[in-house]
Protein backbone atom coordinates (compact mmCIF):
# COMPACT_ATOMS: atom_id res chain seq x y z
CA UNK A 1 0.00 0.00 0.00
CA UNK A 2 2.84 2.37 0.88
CA UNK A 3 4.38 1.98 -2.58
CA UNK A 4 1.03 2.61 -4.27
CA UNK A 5 0.54 5.94 -2.47
CA UNK A 6 4.16 6.92 -3.22
CA UNK A 7 3.82 6.24 -6.94
CA UNK A 8 0.55 8.18 -7.21
CA UNK A 9 1.85 11.16 -5.21
CA UNK A 10 5.18 11.35 -7.07
CA UNK A 11 3.36 11.47 -10.41
CA UNK A 12 1.29 14.46 -9.24
CA UNK A 13 3.88 16.76 -7.67
CA UNK A 14 6.70 18.96 -9.01
CA UNK A 15 9.15 17.84 -6.29
CA UNK A 16 8.89 14.02 -6.24
CA UNK A 17 12.05 13.73 -4.11
CA UNK A 18 10.18 15.37 -1.20
CA UNK A 19 7.35 12.81 -1.13
CA UNK A 20 7.45 10.76 2.07
CA UNK A 21 4.99 8.03 3.03
CA UNK A 22 5.12 6.51 6.51
CA UNK A 23 3.16 3.51 7.80
CA UNK A 24 1.66 3.27 11.27
CA UNK A 25 -0.31 0.33 12.58
CA UNK A 26 -3.26 1.39 14.71
CA UNK A 27 -5.08 -1.73 15.89
CA UNK A 28 -6.42 -3.47 12.80
CA UNK A 29 -6.07 -0.30 10.74
CA UNK A 30 -3.01 0.68 8.73
CA UNK A 31 -2.48 4.45 8.64
CA UNK A 32 -0.45 5.87 5.75
CA UNK A 33 0.81 9.43 6.28
CA UNK A 34 1.65 11.29 3.08
CA UNK A 35 3.97 14.29 3.32
CA UNK A 36 4.80 16.50 0.34
CA UNK A 37 6.46 19.85 -0.20
CA UNK A 38 4.26 22.80 0.90
CA UNK A 39 4.15 24.10 -2.69
CA UNK A 40 2.79 20.74 -3.89
CA UNK A 41 0.05 20.40 -1.26
CA UNK A 42 -2.62 21.83 -3.55
CA UNK A 43 -1.76 19.38 -6.31
CA UNK A 44 -2.19 16.40 -3.99
CA UNK A 45 -5.44 17.65 -2.45
CA UNK A 46 -7.02 19.06 -5.62
CA UNK A 47 -10.04 21.29 -6.00
CA UNK A 48 -12.52 20.57 -3.20
CA UNK A 49 -10.38 17.57 -2.21
CA UNK A 50 -11.20 15.57 -5.32
CA UNK A 51 -7.69 14.21 -5.91
CA UNK A 52 -7.24 13.31 -2.23
CA UNK A 53 -10.57 11.49 -2.33
CA UNK A 54 -9.52 9.63 -5.49
CA UNK A 55 -6.22 8.55 -3.87
CA UNK A 56 -8.13 7.27 -0.85
CA UNK A 57 -10.58 5.39 -3.09
CA UNK A 58 -7.80 3.64 -5.01
CA UNK A 59 -6.01 2.65 -1.80
CA UNK A 60 -9.25 1.46 -0.23
CA UNK A 61 -9.97 -0.71 -3.27
CA UNK A 62 -6.48 -2.21 -3.19
CA UNK A 63 -6.77 -2.83 0.56
CA UNK A 64 -10.14 -4.54 0.25
CA UNK A 65 -8.54 -7.16 -2.03
CA UNK A 66 -6.32 -8.10 0.92
CA UNK A 67 -9.07 -7.74 3.57
CA UNK A 68 -7.30 -4.81 5.25
CA UNK A 69 -8.44 -1.39 6.40
CA UNK A 70 -6.16 1.44 5.27
CA UNK A 71 -6.48 5.15 6.00
CA UNK A 72 -4.53 7.80 4.07
CA UNK A 73 -3.68 11.01 5.95
CA UNK A 74 -2.22 13.94 4.03
CA UNK A 75 0.09 15.98 6.25
PDB file of N, CA and C in Angstrom:
ATOM      1  N   UNK A   1       0.827  -1.192   0.000  1.00  0.00           N
ATOM      2  CA  UNK A   1       0.000   0.000   0.000  1.00  0.00           C
ATOM      3  C   UNK A   1       0.877   1.265   0.000  1.00  0.00           C
ATOM      4  N   UNK A   2       1.950   1.213   0.781  1.00  0.00           N
ATOM      5  CA  UNK A   2       2.842   2.365   0.882  1.00  0.00           C
ATOM      6  C   UNK A   2       3.394   2.734  -0.497  1.00  0.00           C
ATOM      7  N   UNK A   3       3.807   1.733  -1.259  1.00  0.00           N
ATOM      8  CA  UNK A   3       4.375   1.977  -2.582  1.00  0.00           C
ATOM      9  C   UNK A   3       3.340   2.563  -3.534  1.00  0.00           C
ATOM     10  N   UNK A   4       2.108   2.106  -3.425  1.00  0.00           N
ATOM     11  CA  UNK A   4       1.029   2.607  -4.270  1.00  0.00           C
ATOM     12  C   UNK A   4       0.813   4.098  -4.049  1.00  0.00           C
ATOM     13  N   UNK A   5       0.740   4.518  -2.790  1.00  0.00           N
ATOM     14  CA  UNK A   5       0.541   5.936  -2.466  1.00  0.00           C
ATOM     15  C   UNK A   5       1.737   6.750  -2.944  1.00  0.00           C
ATOM     16  N   UNK A   6       2.953   6.215  -2.777  1.00  0.00           N
ATOM     17  CA  UNK A   6       4.160   6.921  -3.220  1.00  0.00           C
ATOM     18  C   UNK A   6       4.153   7.152  -4.729  1.00  0.00           C
ATOM     19  N   UNK A   7       3.828   6.128  -5.481  1.00  0.00           N
ATOM     20  CA  UNK A   7       3.818   6.239  -6.944  1.00  0.00           C
ATOM     21  C   UNK A   7       2.782   7.264  -7.407  1.00  0.00           C
ATOM     22  N   UNK A   8       1.609   7.225  -6.829  1.00  0.00           N
ATOM     23  CA  UNK A   8       0.554   8.176  -7.209  1.00  0.00           C
ATOM     24  C   UNK A   8       0.979   9.598  -6.871  1.00  0.00           C
ATOM     25  N   UNK A   9       1.470   9.816  -5.656  1.00  0.00           N
ATOM     26  CA  UNK A   9       1.848  11.157  -5.214  1.00  0.00           C
ATOM     27  C   UNK A   9       3.008  11.709  -6.034  1.00  0.00           C
ATOM     28  N   UNK A  10       4.013  10.873  -6.312  1.00  0.00           N
ATOM     29  CA  UNK A  10       5.180  11.348  -7.074  1.00  0.00           C
ATOM     30  C   UNK A  10       4.803  11.744  -8.494  1.00  0.00           C
ATOM     31  N   UNK A  11       3.780  11.119  -9.050  1.00  0.00           N
ATOM     32  CA  UNK A  11       3.355  11.468 -10.409  1.00  0.00           C
ATOM     33  C   UNK A  11       2.577  12.782 -10.444  1.00  0.00           C
ATOM     34  N   UNK A  12       2.089  13.230  -9.294  1.00  0.00           N
ATOM     35  CA  UNK A  12       1.290  14.458  -9.242  1.00  0.00           C
ATOM     36  C   UNK A  12       2.100  15.710  -8.945  1.00  0.00           C
ATOM     37  N   UNK A  13       3.183  15.596  -8.199  1.00  0.00           N
ATOM     38  CA  UNK A  13       3.885  16.760  -7.669  1.00  0.00           C
ATOM     39  C   UNK A  13       5.055  17.196  -8.544  1.00  0.00           C
ATOM     40  N   UNK A  14       5.537  18.429  -8.293  1.00  0.00           N
ATOM     41  CA  UNK A  14       6.702  18.961  -9.005  1.00  0.00           C
ATOM     42  C   UNK A  14       8.010  18.561  -8.337  1.00  0.00           C
ATOM     43  N   UNK A  15       7.955  18.222  -7.040  1.00  0.00           N
ATOM     44  CA  UNK A  15       9.151  17.837  -6.286  1.00  0.00           C
ATOM     45  C   UNK A  15       8.982  16.406  -5.772  1.00  0.00           C
ATOM     46  N   UNK A  16       9.122  15.408  -6.660  1.00  0.00           N
ATOM     47  CA  UNK A  16       8.894  14.019  -6.236  1.00  0.00           C
ATOM     48  C   UNK A  16       9.889  13.523  -5.189  1.00  0.00           C
ATOM     49  N   UNK A  17      11.057  14.160  -5.093  1.00  0.00           N
ATOM     50  CA  UNK A  17      12.045  13.731  -4.106  1.00  0.00           C
ATOM     51  C   UNK A  17      11.628  14.078  -2.679  1.00  0.00           C
ATOM     52  N   UNK A  18      10.642  14.970  -2.524  1.00  0.00           N
ATOM     53  CA  UNK A  18      10.183  15.371  -1.197  1.00  0.00           C
ATOM     54  C   UNK A  18       8.931  14.611  -0.738  1.00  0.00           C
ATOM     55  N   UNK A  19       8.507  13.625  -1.509  1.00  0.00           N
ATOM     56  CA  UNK A  19       7.351  12.815  -1.134  1.00  0.00           C
ATOM     57  C   UNK A  19       7.806  11.744  -0.132  1.00  0.00           C
ATOM     58  N   UNK A  20       7.132  11.732   1.031  1.00  0.00           N
ATOM     59  CA  UNK A  20       7.453  10.759   2.068  1.00  0.00           C
ATOM     60  C   UNK A  20       6.151  10.104   2.538  1.00  0.00           C
ATOM     61  N   UNK A  21       6.145   8.774   2.544  1.00  0.00           N
ATOM     62  CA  UNK A  21       4.986   8.034   3.032  1.00  0.00           C
ATOM     63  C   UNK A  21       5.446   7.166   4.198  1.00  0.00           C
ATOM     64  N   UNK A  22       4.777   7.319   5.350  1.00  0.00           N
ATOM     65  CA  UNK A  22       5.118   6.506   6.515  1.00  0.00           C
ATOM     66  C   UNK A  22       3.916   5.650   6.892  1.00  0.00           C
ATOM     67  N   UNK A  23       4.205   4.445   7.387  1.00  0.00           N
ATOM     68  CA  UNK A  23       3.157   3.512   7.801  1.00  0.00           C
ATOM     69  C   UNK A  23       3.099   3.455   9.319  1.00  0.00           C
ATOM     70  N   UNK A  24       1.872   3.450   9.840  1.00  0.00           N
ATOM     71  CA  UNK A  24       1.663   3.268  11.268  1.00  0.00           C
ATOM     72  C   UNK A  24       0.523   2.283  11.447  1.00  0.00           C
ATOM     73  N   UNK A  25       0.741   1.311  12.296  1.00  0.00           N
ATOM     74  CA  UNK A  25      -0.309   0.330  12.584  1.00  0.00           C
ATOM     75  C   UNK A  25      -1.103   0.824  13.787  1.00  0.00           C
ATOM     76  N   UNK A  26      -2.391   0.936  13.629  1.00  0.00           N
ATOM     77  CA  UNK A  26      -3.259   1.386  14.708  1.00  0.00           C
ATOM     78  C   UNK A  26      -4.365   0.350  14.884  1.00  0.00           C
ATOM     79  N   UNK A  27      -4.121  -0.636  15.736  1.00  0.00           N
ATOM     80  CA  UNK A  27      -5.080  -1.726  15.894  1.00  0.00           C
ATOM     81  C   UNK A  27      -5.115  -2.560  14.627  1.00  0.00           C
ATOM     82  N   UNK A  28      -6.295  -2.729  14.048  1.00  0.00           N
ATOM     83  CA  UNK A  28      -6.421  -3.474  12.801  1.00  0.00           C
ATOM     84  C   UNK A  28      -6.292  -2.569  11.582  1.00  0.00           C
ATOM     85  N   UNK A  29      -6.120  -1.273  11.816  1.00  0.00           N
ATOM     86  CA  UNK A  29      -6.071  -0.295  10.738  1.00  0.00           C
ATOM     87  C   UNK A  29      -4.634   0.115  10.447  1.00  0.00           C
ATOM     88  N   UNK A  30      -4.306   0.192   9.165  1.00  0.00           N
ATOM     89  CA  UNK A  30      -3.006   0.678   8.728  1.00  0.00           C
ATOM     90  C   UNK A  30      -3.174   2.138   8.324  1.00  0.00           C
ATOM     91  N   UNK A  31      -2.401   3.030   8.936  1.00  0.00           N
ATOM     92  CA  UNK A  31      -2.484   4.454   8.637  1.00  0.00           C
ATOM     93  C   UNK A  31      -1.271   4.833   7.793  1.00  0.00           C
ATOM     94  N   UNK A  32      -1.515   5.397   6.620  1.00  0.00           N
ATOM     95  CA  UNK A  32      -0.449   5.870   5.746  1.00  0.00           C
ATOM     96  C   UNK A  32      -0.439   7.394   5.797  1.00  0.00           C
ATOM     97  N   UNK A  33       0.679   7.968   6.212  1.00  0.00           N
ATOM     98  CA  UNK A  33       0.811   9.426   6.280  1.00  0.00           C
ATOM     99  C   UNK A  33       1.616   9.893   5.079  1.00  0.00           C
ATOM    100  N   UNK A  34       1.017  10.760   4.288  1.00  0.00           N
ATOM    101  CA  UNK A  34       1.646  11.289   3.084  1.00  0.00           C
ATOM    102  C   UNK A  34       2.109  12.709   3.352  1.00  0.00           C
ATOM    103  N   UNK A  35       3.406  12.949   3.148  1.00  0.00           N
ATOM    104  CA  UNK A  35       3.968  14.290   3.320  1.00  0.00           C
ATOM    105  C   UNK A  35       4.582  14.715   2.002  1.00  0.00           C
ATOM    106  N   UNK A  36       4.246  15.941   1.577  1.00  0.00           N
ATOM    107  CA  UNK A  36       4.797  16.500   0.344  1.00  0.00           C
ATOM    108  C   UNK A  36       5.302  17.909   0.632  1.00  0.00           C
ATOM    109  N   UNK A  37       5.979  18.486  -0.337  1.00  0.00           N
ATOM    110  CA  UNK A  37       6.461  19.855  -0.196  1.00  0.00           C
ATOM    111  C   UNK A  37       5.258  20.791  -0.064  1.00  0.00           C
ATOM    112  N   UNK A  38       5.394  21.861   0.727  1.00  0.00           N
ATOM    113  CA  UNK A  38       4.256  22.797   0.897  1.00  0.00           C
ATOM    114  C   UNK A  38       3.717  23.349  -0.422  1.00  0.00           C
ATOM    115  N   UNK A  39       4.602  23.567  -1.399  1.00  0.00           N
ATOM    116  CA  UNK A  39       4.145  24.098  -2.686  1.00  0.00           C
ATOM    117  C   UNK A  39       3.349  23.075  -3.495  1.00  0.00           C
ATOM    118  N   UNK A  40       3.494  21.794  -3.167  1.00  0.00           N
ATOM    119  CA  UNK A  40       2.787  20.737  -3.886  1.00  0.00           C
ATOM    120  C   UNK A  40       1.507  20.285  -3.186  1.00  0.00           C
ATOM    121  N   UNK A  41       1.211  20.845  -2.040  1.00  0.00           N
ATOM    122  CA  UNK A  41       0.051  20.399  -1.263  1.00  0.00           C
ATOM    123  C   UNK A  41      -1.251  20.528  -2.055  1.00  0.00           C
ATOM    124  N   UNK A  42      -1.409  21.617  -2.764  1.00  0.00           N
ATOM    125  CA  UNK A  42      -2.619  21.835  -3.552  1.00  0.00           C
ATOM    126  C   UNK A  42      -2.796  20.808  -4.659  1.00  0.00           C
ATOM    127  N   UNK A  43      -1.694  20.363  -5.228  1.00  0.00           N
ATOM    128  CA  UNK A  43      -1.760  19.376  -6.312  1.00  0.00           C
ATOM    129  C   UNK A  43      -2.205  18.015  -5.791  1.00  0.00           C
ATOM    130  N   UNK A  44      -1.826  17.700  -4.562  1.00  0.00           N
ATOM    131  CA  UNK A  44      -2.193  16.402  -3.990  1.00  0.00           C
ATOM    132  C   UNK A  44      -3.634  16.414  -3.482  1.00  0.00           C
ATOM    133  N   UNK A  45      -4.074  17.558  -2.975  1.00  0.00           N
ATOM    134  CA  UNK A  45      -5.438  17.651  -2.446  1.00  0.00           C
ATOM    135  C   UNK A  45      -6.446  17.887  -3.581  1.00  0.00           C
ATOM    136  N   UNK A  46      -6.131  18.776  -4.493  1.00  0.00           N
ATOM    137  CA  UNK A  46      -7.015  19.061  -5.619  1.00  0.00           C
ATOM    138  C   UNK A  46      -8.157  19.988  -5.242  1.00  0.00           C
ATOM    139  N   UNK A  47      -8.908  20.397  -6.244  1.00  0.00           N
ATOM    140  CA  UNK A  47     -10.044  21.288  -6.005  1.00  0.00           C
ATOM    141  C   UNK A  47     -11.113  20.549  -5.217  1.00  0.00           C
ATOM    142  N   UNK A  48     -11.507  21.130  -4.106  1.00  0.00           N
ATOM    143  CA  UNK A  48     -12.516  20.570  -3.199  1.00  0.00           C
ATOM    144  C   UNK A  48     -12.150  19.161  -2.738  1.00  0.00           C
ATOM    145  N   UNK A  49     -10.840  18.854  -2.718  1.00  0.00           N
ATOM    146  CA  UNK A  49     -10.378  17.571  -2.208  1.00  0.00           C
ATOM    147  C   UNK A  49     -10.617  16.389  -3.123  1.00  0.00           C
ATOM    148  N   UNK A  50     -10.855  16.659  -4.392  1.00  0.00           N
ATOM    149  CA  UNK A  50     -11.197  15.568  -5.319  1.00  0.00           C
ATOM    150  C   UNK A  50     -10.049  14.593  -5.534  1.00  0.00           C
ATOM    151  N   UNK A  51      -8.818  15.102  -5.671  1.00  0.00           N
ATOM    152  CA  UNK A  51      -7.686  14.207  -5.910  1.00  0.00           C
ATOM    153  C   UNK A  51      -7.391  13.394  -4.652  1.00  0.00           C
ATOM    154  N   UNK A  52      -7.461  14.032  -3.485  1.00  0.00           N
ATOM    155  CA  UNK A  52      -7.244  13.309  -2.228  1.00  0.00           C
ATOM    156  C   UNK A  52      -8.277  12.196  -2.073  1.00  0.00           C
ATOM    157  N   UNK A  53      -9.508  12.493  -2.420  1.00  0.00           N
ATOM    158  CA  UNK A  53     -10.572  11.492  -2.329  1.00  0.00           C
ATOM    159  C   UNK A  53     -10.319  10.343  -3.306  1.00  0.00           C
ATOM    160  N   UNK A  54      -9.817  10.664  -4.490  1.00  0.00           N
ATOM    161  CA  UNK A  54      -9.515   9.634  -5.487  1.00  0.00           C
ATOM    162  C   UNK A  54      -8.372   8.744  -5.016  1.00  0.00           C
ATOM    163  N   UNK A  55      -7.339   9.334  -4.404  1.00  0.00           N
ATOM    164  CA  UNK A  55      -6.221   8.550  -3.873  1.00  0.00           C
ATOM    165  C   UNK A  55      -6.738   7.593  -2.804  1.00  0.00           C
ATOM    166  N   UNK A  56      -7.581   8.110  -1.913  1.00  0.00           N
ATOM    167  CA  UNK A  56      -8.131   7.269  -0.847  1.00  0.00           C
ATOM    168  C   UNK A  56      -8.984   6.135  -1.415  1.00  0.00           C
ATOM    169  N   UNK A  57      -9.732   6.420  -2.468  1.00  0.00           N
ATOM    170  CA  UNK A  57     -10.580   5.391  -3.090  1.00  0.00           C
ATOM    171  C   UNK A  57      -9.746   4.273  -3.703  1.00  0.00           C
ATOM    172  N   UNK A  58      -8.670   4.643  -4.383  1.00  0.00           N
ATOM    173  CA  UNK A  58      -7.802   3.636  -5.008  1.00  0.00           C
ATOM    174  C   UNK A  58      -7.147   2.769  -3.940  1.00  0.00           C
ATOM    175  N   UNK A  59      -6.662   3.395  -2.873  1.00  0.00           N
ATOM    176  CA  UNK A  59      -6.006   2.648  -1.797  1.00  0.00           C
ATOM    177  C   UNK A  59      -7.015   1.748  -1.083  1.00  0.00           C
ATOM    178  N   UNK A  60      -8.216   2.260  -0.891  1.00  0.00           N
ATOM    179  CA  UNK A  60      -9.255   1.455  -0.231  1.00  0.00           C
ATOM    180  C   UNK A  60      -9.606   0.234  -1.076  1.00  0.00           C
ATOM    181  N   UNK A  61      -9.674   0.407  -2.382  1.00  0.00           N
ATOM    182  CA  UNK A  61      -9.973  -0.711  -3.275  1.00  0.00           C
ATOM    183  C   UNK A  61      -8.849  -1.744  -3.244  1.00  0.00           C
ATOM    184  N   UNK A  62      -7.614  -1.289  -3.239  1.00  0.00           N
ATOM    185  CA  UNK A  62      -6.475  -2.211  -3.186  1.00  0.00           C
ATOM    186  C   UNK A  62      -6.433  -2.931  -1.838  1.00  0.00           C
ATOM    187  N   UNK A  63      -6.783  -2.237  -0.775  1.00  0.00           N
ATOM    188  CA  UNK A  63      -6.766  -2.834   0.564  1.00  0.00           C
ATOM    189  C   UNK A  63      -7.884  -3.861   0.725  1.00  0.00           C
ATOM    190  N   UNK A  64      -9.010  -3.613   0.102  1.00  0.00           N
ATOM    191  CA  UNK A  64     -10.137  -4.540   0.245  1.00  0.00           C
ATOM    192  C   UNK A  64      -9.829  -5.893  -0.410  1.00  0.00           C
ATOM    193  N   UNK A  65      -8.944  -5.894  -1.399  1.00  0.00           N
ATOM    194  CA  UNK A  65      -8.538  -7.156  -2.026  1.00  0.00           C
ATOM    195  C   UNK A  65      -7.755  -8.019  -1.044  1.00  0.00           C
ATOM    196  N   UNK A  66      -7.117  -7.377  -0.065  1.00  0.00           N
ATOM    197  CA  UNK A  66      -6.323  -8.098   0.925  1.00  0.00           C
ATOM    198  C   UNK A  66      -7.016  -8.148   2.289  1.00  0.00           C
ATOM    199  N   UNK A  67      -8.279  -7.770   2.338  1.00  0.00           N
ATOM    200  CA  UNK A  67      -9.070  -7.738   3.573  1.00  0.00           C
ATOM    201  C   UNK A  67      -8.392  -6.910   4.671  1.00  0.00           C
ATOM    202  N   UNK A  68      -7.940  -5.724   4.303  1.00  0.00           N
ATOM    203  CA  UNK A  68      -7.301  -4.815   5.254  1.00  0.00           C
ATOM    204  C   UNK A  68      -8.045  -3.495   5.258  1.00  0.00           C
ATOM    205  N   UNK A  69      -7.881  -2.741   6.345  1.00  0.00           N
ATOM    206  CA  UNK A  69      -8.445  -1.390   6.398  1.00  0.00           C
ATOM    207  C   UNK A  69      -7.275  -0.409   6.390  1.00  0.00           C
ATOM    208  N   UNK A  70      -7.259   0.486   5.419  1.00  0.00           N
ATOM    209  CA  UNK A  70      -6.161   1.436   5.268  1.00  0.00           C
ATOM    210  C   UNK A  70      -6.732   2.839   5.233  1.00  0.00           C
ATOM    211  N   UNK A  71      -6.093   3.739   5.969  1.00  0.00           N
ATOM    212  CA  UNK A  71      -6.484   5.146   6.001  1.00  0.00           C
ATOM    213  C   UNK A  71      -5.309   5.966   5.479  1.00  0.00           C
ATOM    214  N   UNK A  72      -5.583   6.933   4.592  1.00  0.00           N
ATOM    215  CA  UNK A  72      -4.533   7.801   4.065  1.00  0.00           C
ATOM    216  C   UNK A  72      -4.715   9.192   4.669  1.00  0.00           C
ATOM    217  N   UNK A  73      -3.683   9.663   5.388  1.00  0.00           N
ATOM    218  CA  UNK A  73      -3.681  11.007   5.947  1.00  0.00           C
ATOM    219  C   UNK A  73      -2.685  11.854   5.182  1.00  0.00           C
ATOM    220  N   UNK A  74      -3.108  13.029   4.730  1.00  0.00           N
ATOM    221  CA  UNK A  74      -2.222  13.944   4.034  1.00  0.00           C
ATOM    222  C   UNK A  74      -1.770  15.004   5.029  1.00  0.00           C
ATOM    223  N   UNK A  75      -0.460  15.052   5.261  1.00  0.00           N
ATOM    224  CA  UNK A  75       0.091  15.981   6.253  1.00  0.00           C
ATOM    225  C   UNK A  75       0.567  17.244   5.588  1.00  0.00           C
TER     226      UNK A  75
END
